Amino acid sequence: MLRGWFAALGDRLTEVEVEGVGGAFVRSEDAAAPARTEPSREVRLLGGFDMYVLGPGTADTRLIAAGRRRR
């Protein structure tokens, strides 16, 4: 399902690597921004209800650790 959504966006999304692992996407117009960003110790938490985390993306253990998924 997600692959279809992403494919429908065509060149509006760009795949990027996070810590050497592919499969993350950003808006193409924002693709250069992370390279210009200074490292930070700031943490940003997701809200208690996020459709990506709770919907089709929940199998991704980069988002939710396998042991915590049931919670």
PDB file of N, CA and C in Angstrom:
ATOM      1  N   MET A   1       0.803  -1.183   0.000  1.00  0.00           N
ATOM      2  CA  MET A   1       0.000   0.000   0.000  1.00  0.00           C
ATOM      3  C   MET A   1       0.862   1.270   0.000  1.00  0.00           C
ATOM      4  N   LEU A   2       1.845   1.328   0.915  1.00  0.00           N
ATOM      5  CA  LEU A   2       2.713   2.498   0.957  1.00  0.00           C
ATOM      6  C   LEU A   2       3.509   2.658  -0.325  1.00  0.00           C
ATOM      7  N   ARG A   3       3.973   1.554  -0.876  1.00  0.00           N
ATOM      8  CA  ARG A   3       4.761   1.650  -2.114  1.00  0.00           C
ATOM      9  C   ARG A   3       3.939   2.278  -3.227  1.00  0.00           C
ATOM     10  N   GLY A   4       2.656   1.944  -3.284  1.00  0.00           N
ATOM     11  CA  GLY A   4       1.777   2.546  -4.280  1.00  0.00           C
ATOM     12  C   GLY A   4       1.616   4.035  -4.064  1.00  0.00           C
ATOM     13  N   TRP A   5       1.459   4.434  -2.809  1.00  0.00           N
ATOM     14  CA  TRP A   5       1.332   5.866  -2.499  1.00  0.00           C
ATOM     15  C   TRP A   5       2.601   6.600  -2.905  1.00  0.00           C
ATOM     16  N   PHE A   6       3.748   6.029  -2.529  1.00  0.00           N
ATOM     17  CA  PHE A   6       5.014   6.682  -2.847  1.00  0.00           C
ATOM     18  C   PHE A   6       5.233   6.722  -4.359  1.00  0.00           C
ATOM     19  N   ALA A   7       4.911   5.643  -5.055  1.00  0.00           N
ATOM     20  CA  ALA A   7       5.069   5.603  -6.512  1.00  0.00           C
ATOM     21  C   ALA A   7       4.186   6.658  -7.177  1.00  0.00           C
ATOM     22  N   ALA A   8       2.987   6.863  -6.638  1.00  0.00           N
ATOM     23  CA  ALA A   8       2.071   7.857  -7.199  1.00  0.00           C
ATOM     24  C   ALA A   8       2.619   9.275  -7.055  1.00  0.00           C
ATOM     25  N   LEU A   9       3.495   9.489  -6.082  1.00  0.00           N
ATOM     26  CA  LEU A   9       4.080  10.814  -5.896  1.00  0.00           C
ATOM     27  C   LEU A   9       5.217  11.084  -6.869  1.00  0.00           C
ATOM     28  N   GLY A  10       5.681  10.045  -7.545  1.00  0.00           N
ATOM     29  CA  GLY A  10       6.702  10.202  -8.581  1.00  0.00           C
ATOM     30  C   GLY A  10       7.941  10.919  -8.084  1.00  0.00           C
ATOM     31  N   ASP A  11       8.360  11.940  -8.826  1.00  0.00           N
ATOM     32  CA  ASP A  11       9.595  12.652  -8.490  1.00  0.00           C
ATOM     33  C   ASP A  11       9.420  13.673  -7.367  1.00  0.00           C
ATOM     34  N   ARG A  12       8.258  13.696  -6.736  1.00  0.00           N
ATOM     35  CA  ARG A  12       8.059  14.603  -5.597  1.00  0.00           C
ATOM     36  C   ARG A  12       8.692  14.060  -4.323  1.00  0.00           C
ATOM     37  N   LEU A  13       9.101  12.773  -4.348  1.00  0.00           N
ATOM     38  CA  LEU A  13       9.808  12.161  -3.213  1.00  0.00           C
ATOM     39  C   LEU A  13      11.192  11.721  -3.656  1.00  0.00           C
ATOM     40  N   THR A  14      12.139  11.805  -2.734  1.00  0.00           N
ATOM     41  CA  THR A  14      13.497  11.352  -2.980  1.00  0.00           C
ATOM     42  C   THR A  14      13.892  10.405  -1.859  1.00  0.00           C
ATOM     43  N   GLU A  15      14.422   9.243  -2.221  1.00  0.00           N
ATOM     44  CA  GLU A  15      14.894   8.299  -1.210  1.00  0.00           C
ATOM     45  C   GLU A  15      16.228   8.779  -0.661  1.00  0.00           C
ATOM     46  N   VAL A  16      16.396   8.687   0.648  1.00  0.00           N
ATOM     47  CA  VAL A  16      17.641   9.081   1.303  1.00  0.00           C
ATOM     48  C   VAL A  16      18.102   7.957   2.216  1.00  0.00           C
ATOM     49  N   GLU A  17      19.371   8.006   2.599  1.00  0.00           N
ATOM     50  CA  GLU A  17      19.925   7.061   3.556  1.00  0.00           C
ATOM     51  C   GLU A  17      20.008   7.734   4.919  1.00  0.00           C
ATOM     52  N   VAL A  18      19.684   6.982   5.951  1.00  0.00           N
ATOM     53  CA  VAL A  18      19.826   7.449   7.326  1.00  0.00           C
ATOM     54  C   VAL A  18      20.781   6.491   8.012  1.00  0.00           C
ATOM     55  N   GLU A  19      21.931   7.001   8.404  1.00  0.00           N
ATOM     56  CA  GLU A  19      22.980   6.186   9.012  1.00  0.00           C
ATOM     57  C   GLU A  19      23.324   4.988   8.138  1.00  0.00           C
ATOM     58  N   GLY A  20      23.410   5.220   6.825  1.00  0.00           N
ATOM     59  CA  GLY A  20      23.816   4.191   5.880  1.00  0.00           C
ATOM     60  C   GLY A  20      22.726   3.226   5.443  1.00  0.00           C
ATOM     61  N   VAL A  21      21.504   3.430   5.898  1.00  0.00           N
ATOM     62  CA  VAL A  21      20.404   2.537   5.547  1.00  0.00           C
ATOM     63  C   VAL A  21      19.396   3.294   4.683  1.00  0.00           C
ATOM     64  N   GLY A  22      19.077   2.752   3.515  1.00  0.00           N
ATOM     65  CA  GLY A  22      18.111   3.371   2.615  1.00  0.00           C
ATOM     66  C   GLY A  22      16.694   3.108   3.068  1.00  0.00           C
ATOM     67  N   GLY A  23      15.752   3.578   2.275  1.00  0.00           N
ATOM     68  CA  GLY A  23      14.350   3.317   2.565  1.00  0.00           C
ATOM     69  C   GLY A  23      13.636   4.454   3.263  1.00  0.00           C
ATOM     70  N   ALA A  24      14.328   5.563   3.512  1.00  0.00           N
ATOM     71  CA  ALA A  24      13.684   6.747   4.075  1.00  0.00           C
ATOM     72  C   ALA A  24      13.427   7.712   2.918  1.00  0.00           C
ATOM     73  N   PHE A  25      12.377   8.484   3.018  1.00  0.00           N
ATOM     74  CA  PHE A  25      12.021   9.403   1.935  1.00  0.00           C
ATOM     75  C   PHE A  25      11.783  10.802   2.475  1.00  0.00           C
ATOM     76  N   VAL A  26      12.132  11.796   1.665  1.00  0.00           N
ATOM     77  CA  VAL A  26      11.841  13.195   1.957  1.00  0.00           C
ATOM     78  C   VAL A  26      11.234  13.822   0.713  1.00  0.00           C
ATOM     79  N   ARG A  27      10.570  14.962   0.914  1.00  0.00           N
ATOM     80  CA  ARG A  27      10.099  15.694  -0.265  1.00  0.00           C
ATOM     81  C   ARG A  27      11.325  16.090  -1.078  1.00  0.00           C
ATOM     82  N   SER A  28      11.265  15.945  -2.371  1.00  0.00           N
ATOM     83  CA  SER A  28      12.416  16.237  -3.226  1.00  0.00           C
ATOM     84  C   SER A  28      12.927  17.657  -3.016  1.00  0.00           C
ATOM     85  N   GLU A  29      12.028  18.594  -2.816  1.00  0.00           N
ATOM     86  CA  GLU A  29      12.448  19.987  -2.623  1.00  0.00           C
ATOM     87  C   GLU A  29      13.221  20.185  -1.319  1.00  0.00           C
ATOM     88  N   ASP A  30      13.121  19.218  -0.397  1.00  0.00           N
ATOM     89  CA  ASP A  30      13.822  19.319   0.881  1.00  0.00           C
ATOM     90  C   ASP A  30      15.030  18.390   0.972  1.00  0.00           C
ATOM     91  N   ALA A  31      15.355  17.675  -0.088  1.00  0.00           N
ATOM     92  CA  ALA A  31      16.381  16.630  -0.033  1.00  0.00           C
ATOM     93  C   ALA A  31      17.762  17.148   0.362  1.00  0.00           C
ATOM     94  N   ALA A  32      18.114  18.362  -0.001  1.00  0.00           N
ATOM     95  CA  ALA A  32      19.442  18.891   0.321  1.00  0.00           C
ATOM     96  C   ALA A  32      19.527  19.430   1.743  1.00  0.00           C
ATOM     97  N   ALA A  33      18.417  19.706   2.377  1.00  0.00           N
ATOM     98  CA  ALA A  33      18.418  20.342   3.699  1.00  0.00           C
ATOM     99  C   ALA A  33      19.151  19.542   4.775  1.00  0.00           C
ATOM    100  N   PRO A  34      18.967  18.219   4.880  1.00  0.00           N
ATOM    101  CA  PRO A  34      19.674  17.501   5.952  1.00  0.00           C
ATOM    102  C   PRO A  34      21.190  17.638   5.881  1.00  0.00           C
ATOM    103  N   ALA A  35      21.755  17.708   4.693  1.00  0.00           N
ATOM    104  CA  ALA A  35      23.210  17.838   4.556  1.00  0.00           C
ATOM    105  C   ALA A  35      23.697  19.190   5.076  1.00  0.00           C
ATOM    106  N   ARG A  36      22.833  20.188   5.085  1.00  0.00           N
ATOM    107  CA  ARG A  36      23.197  21.528   5.567  1.00  0.00           C
ATOM    108  C   ARG A  36      22.913  21.710   7.058  1.00  0.00           C
ATOM    109  N   THR A  37      22.298  20.718   7.684  1.00  0.00           N
ATOM    110  CA  THR A  37      21.887  20.831   9.078  1.00  0.00           C
ATOM    111  C   THR A  37      23.015  20.444  10.011  1.00  0.00           C
ATOM    112  N   GLU A  38      23.237  21.259  11.030  1.00  0.00           N
ATOM    113  CA  GLU A  38      24.264  20.968  12.026  1.00  0.00           C
ATOM    114  C   GLU A  38      23.761  19.875  12.979  1.00  0.00           C
ATOM    115  N   PRO A  39      24.650  19.011  13.448  1.00  0.00           N
ATOM    116  CA  PRO A  39      24.241  17.989  14.426  1.00  0.00           C
ATOM    117  C   PRO A  39      23.643  18.641  15.672  1.00  0.00           C
ATOM    118  N   SER A  40      22.729  17.946  16.304  1.00  0.00           N
ATOM    119  CA  SER A  40      22.050  18.476  17.483  1.00  0.00           C
ATOM    120  C   SER A  40      21.780  17.340  18.463  1.00  0.00           C
ATOM    121  N   ARG A  41      21.680  17.680  19.738  1.00  0.00           N
ATOM    122  CA  ARG A  41      21.311  16.688  20.744  1.00  0.00           C
ATOM    123  C   ARG A  41      19.825  16.778  21.052  1.00  0.00           C
ATOM    124  N   GLU A  42      19.118  17.607  20.303  1.00  0.00           N
ATOM    125  CA  GLU A  42      17.684  17.791  20.491  1.00  0.00           C
ATOM    126  C   GLU A  42      16.923  16.534  20.081  1.00  0.00           C
ATOM    127  N   VAL A  43      15.866  16.233  20.798  1.00  0.00           N
ATOM    128  CA  VAL A  43      15.031  15.079  20.503  1.00  0.00           C
ATOM    129  C   VAL A  43      13.629  15.570  20.189  1.00  0.00           C
ATOM    130  N   ARG A  44      13.039  15.047  19.134  1.00  0.00           N
ATOM    131  CA  ARG A  44      11.660  15.384  18.783  1.00  0.00           C
ATOM    132  C   ARG A  44      10.843  14.107  18.841  1.00  0.00           C
ATOM    133  N   LEU A  45       9.843  14.112  19.685  1.00  0.00           N
ATOM    134  CA  LEU A  45       9.017  12.932  19.851  1.00  0.00           C
ATOM    135  C   LEU A  45       7.778  13.025  18.978  1.00  0.00           C
ATOM    136  N   LEU A  46       7.328  11.872  18.489  1.00  0.00           N
ATOM    137  CA  LEU A  46       6.073  11.828  17.744  1.00  0.00           C
ATOM    138  C   LEU A  46       4.916  11.974  18.715  1.00  0.00           C
ATOM    139  N   GLY A  47       3.847  12.512  18.225  1.00  0.00           N
ATOM    140  CA  GLY A  47       2.654  12.610  19.052  1.00  0.00           C
ATOM    141  C   GLY A  47       2.122  11.226  19.404  1.00  0.00           C
ATOM    142  N   GLY A  48       1.195  11.166  20.338  1.00  0.00           N
ATOM    143  CA  GLY A  48       0.650   9.893  20.792  1.00  0.00           C
ATOM    144  C   GLY A  48      -0.162   9.162  19.740  1.00  0.00           C
ATOM    145  N   PHE A  49      -0.540   9.841  18.673  1.00  0.00           N
ATOM    146  CA  PHE A  49      -1.326   9.204  17.618  1.00  0.00           C
ATOM    147  C   PHE A  49      -0.816   9.705  16.278  1.00  0.00           C
ATOM    148  N   ASP A  50      -0.119   8.871  15.567  1.00  0.00           N
ATOM    149  CA  ASP A  50       0.455   9.224  14.279  1.00  0.00           C
ATOM    150  C   ASP A  50       0.062   8.137  13.288  1.00  0.00           C
ATOM    151  N   MET A  51      -0.659   8.497  12.249  1.00  0.00           N
ATOM    152  CA  MET A  51      -1.181   7.505  11.299  1.00  0.00           C
ATOM    153  C   MET A  51      -0.081   6.676  10.638  1.00  0.00           C
ATOM    154  N   TYR A  52       1.103   7.246  10.398  1.00  0.00           N
ATOM    155  CA  TYR A  52       2.162   6.461   9.775  1.00  0.00           C
ATOM    156  C   TYR A  52       2.651   5.382  10.743  1.00  0.00           C
ATOM    157  N   VAL A  53       2.849   5.756  11.991  1.00  0.00           N
ATOM    158  CA  VAL A  53       3.345   4.794  12.974  1.00  0.00           C
ATOM    159  C   VAL A  53       2.296   3.734  13.276  1.00  0.00           C
ATOM    160  N   LEU A  54       1.044   4.137  13.408  1.00  0.00           N
ATOM    161  CA  LEU A  54      -0.002   3.197  13.783  1.00  0.00           C
ATOM    162  C   LEU A  54      -0.619   2.472  12.591  1.00  0.00           C
ATOM    163  N   GLY A  55      -0.402   2.970  11.393  1.00  0.00           N
ATOM    164  CA  GLY A  55      -0.995   2.378  10.199  1.00  0.00           C
ATOM    165  C   GLY A  55      -0.053   1.416   9.515  1.00  0.00           C
ATOM    166  N   PRO A  56       0.104   1.523   8.205  1.00  0.00           N
ATOM    167  CA  PRO A  56       0.871   0.547   7.435  1.00  0.00           C
ATOM    168  C   PRO A  56       2.352   0.479   7.783  1.00  0.00           C
ATOM    169  N   GLY A  57       2.919   1.508   8.390  1.00  0.00           N
ATOM    170  CA  GLY A  57       4.352   1.525   8.672  1.00  0.00           C
ATOM    171  C   GLY A  57       4.772   0.823   9.941  1.00  0.00           C
ATOM    172  N   THR A  58       3.856   0.213  10.681  1.00  0.00           N
ATOM    173  CA  THR A  58       4.215  -0.330  11.986  1.00  0.00           C
ATOM    174  C   THR A  58       5.149  -1.530  11.943  1.00  0.00           C
ATOM    175  N   ALA A  59       5.288  -2.190  10.822  1.00  0.00           N
ATOM    176  CA  ALA A  59       6.203  -3.331  10.743  1.00  0.00           C
ATOM    177  C   ALA A  59       7.661  -2.896  10.680  1.00  0.00           C
ATOM    178  N   ASP A  60       7.906  -1.616  10.475  1.00  0.00           N
ATOM    179  CA  ASP A  60       9.260  -1.100  10.360  1.00  0.00           C
ATOM    180  C   ASP A  60       9.871  -0.962  11.749  1.00  0.00           C
ATOM    181  N   THR A  61      10.828  -1.817  12.077  1.00  0.00           N
ATOM    182  CA  THR A  61      11.412  -1.804  13.416  1.00  0.00           C
ATOM    183  C   THR A  61      12.293  -0.586  13.662  1.00  0.00           C
ATOM    184  N   ARG A  62      12.549   0.224  12.632  1.00  0.00           N
ATOM    185  CA  ARG A  62      13.254   1.489  12.872  1.00  0.00           C
ATOM    186  C   ARG A  62      12.327   2.485  13.541  1.00  0.00           C
ATOM    187  N   LEU A  63      11.015   2.306  13.377  1.00  0.00           N
ATOM    188  CA  LEU A  63      10.039   3.201  13.984  1.00  0.00           C
ATOM    189  C   LEU A  63       9.573   2.687  15.334  1.00  0.00           C
ATOM    190  N   ILE A  64       9.254   1.401  15.399  1.00  0.00           N
ATOM    191  CA  ILE A  64       8.790   0.782  16.637  1.00  0.00           C
ATOM    192  C   ILE A  64       9.545  -0.528  16.807  1.00  0.00           C
ATOM    193  N   ALA A  65      10.255  -0.653  17.900  1.00  0.00           N
ATOM    194  CA  ALA A  65      11.011  -1.878  18.158  1.00  0.00           C
ATOM    195  C   ALA A  65      10.061  -3.069  18.187  1.00  0.00           C
ATOM    196  N   ALA A  66      10.497  -4.193  17.652  1.00  0.00           N
ATOM    197  CA  ALA A  66       9.645  -5.382  17.559  1.00  0.00           C
ATOM    198  C   ALA A  66       9.041  -5.753  18.911  1.00  0.00           C
ATOM    199  N   GLY A  67       9.805  -5.648  19.978  1.00  0.00           N
ATOM    200  CA  GLY A  67       9.322  -6.002  21.292  1.00  0.00           C
ATOM    201  C   GLY A  67       8.279  -5.056  21.870  1.00  0.00           C
ATOM    202  N   ARG A  68       8.151  -3.874  21.285  1.00  0.00           N
ATOM    203  CA  ARG A  68       7.197  -2.876  21.774  1.00  0.00           C
ATOM    204  C   ARG A  68       5.973  -2.732  20.873  1.00  0.00           C
ATOM    205  N   ARG A  69       5.960  -3.451  19.787  1.00  0.00           N
ATOM    206  CA  ARG A  69       4.910  -3.270  18.780  1.00  0.00           C
ATOM    207  C   ARG A  69       3.499  -3.527  19.320  1.00  0.00           C
ATOM    208  N   ARG A  70       3.322  -4.520  20.127  1.00  0.00           N
ATOM    209  CA  ARG A  70       1.984  -4.846  20.644  1.00  0.00           C
ATOM    210  C   ARG A  70       1.414  -3.724  21.492  1.00  0.00           C
ATOM    211  N   ARG A  71       2.270  -3.001  22.189  1.00  0.00           N
ATOM    212  CA  ARG A  71       1.809  -1.911  23.047  1.00  0.00           C
ATOM    213  C   ARG A  71       1.210  -0.837  22.195  1.00  0.00           C
TER     214      ARG A  71
END
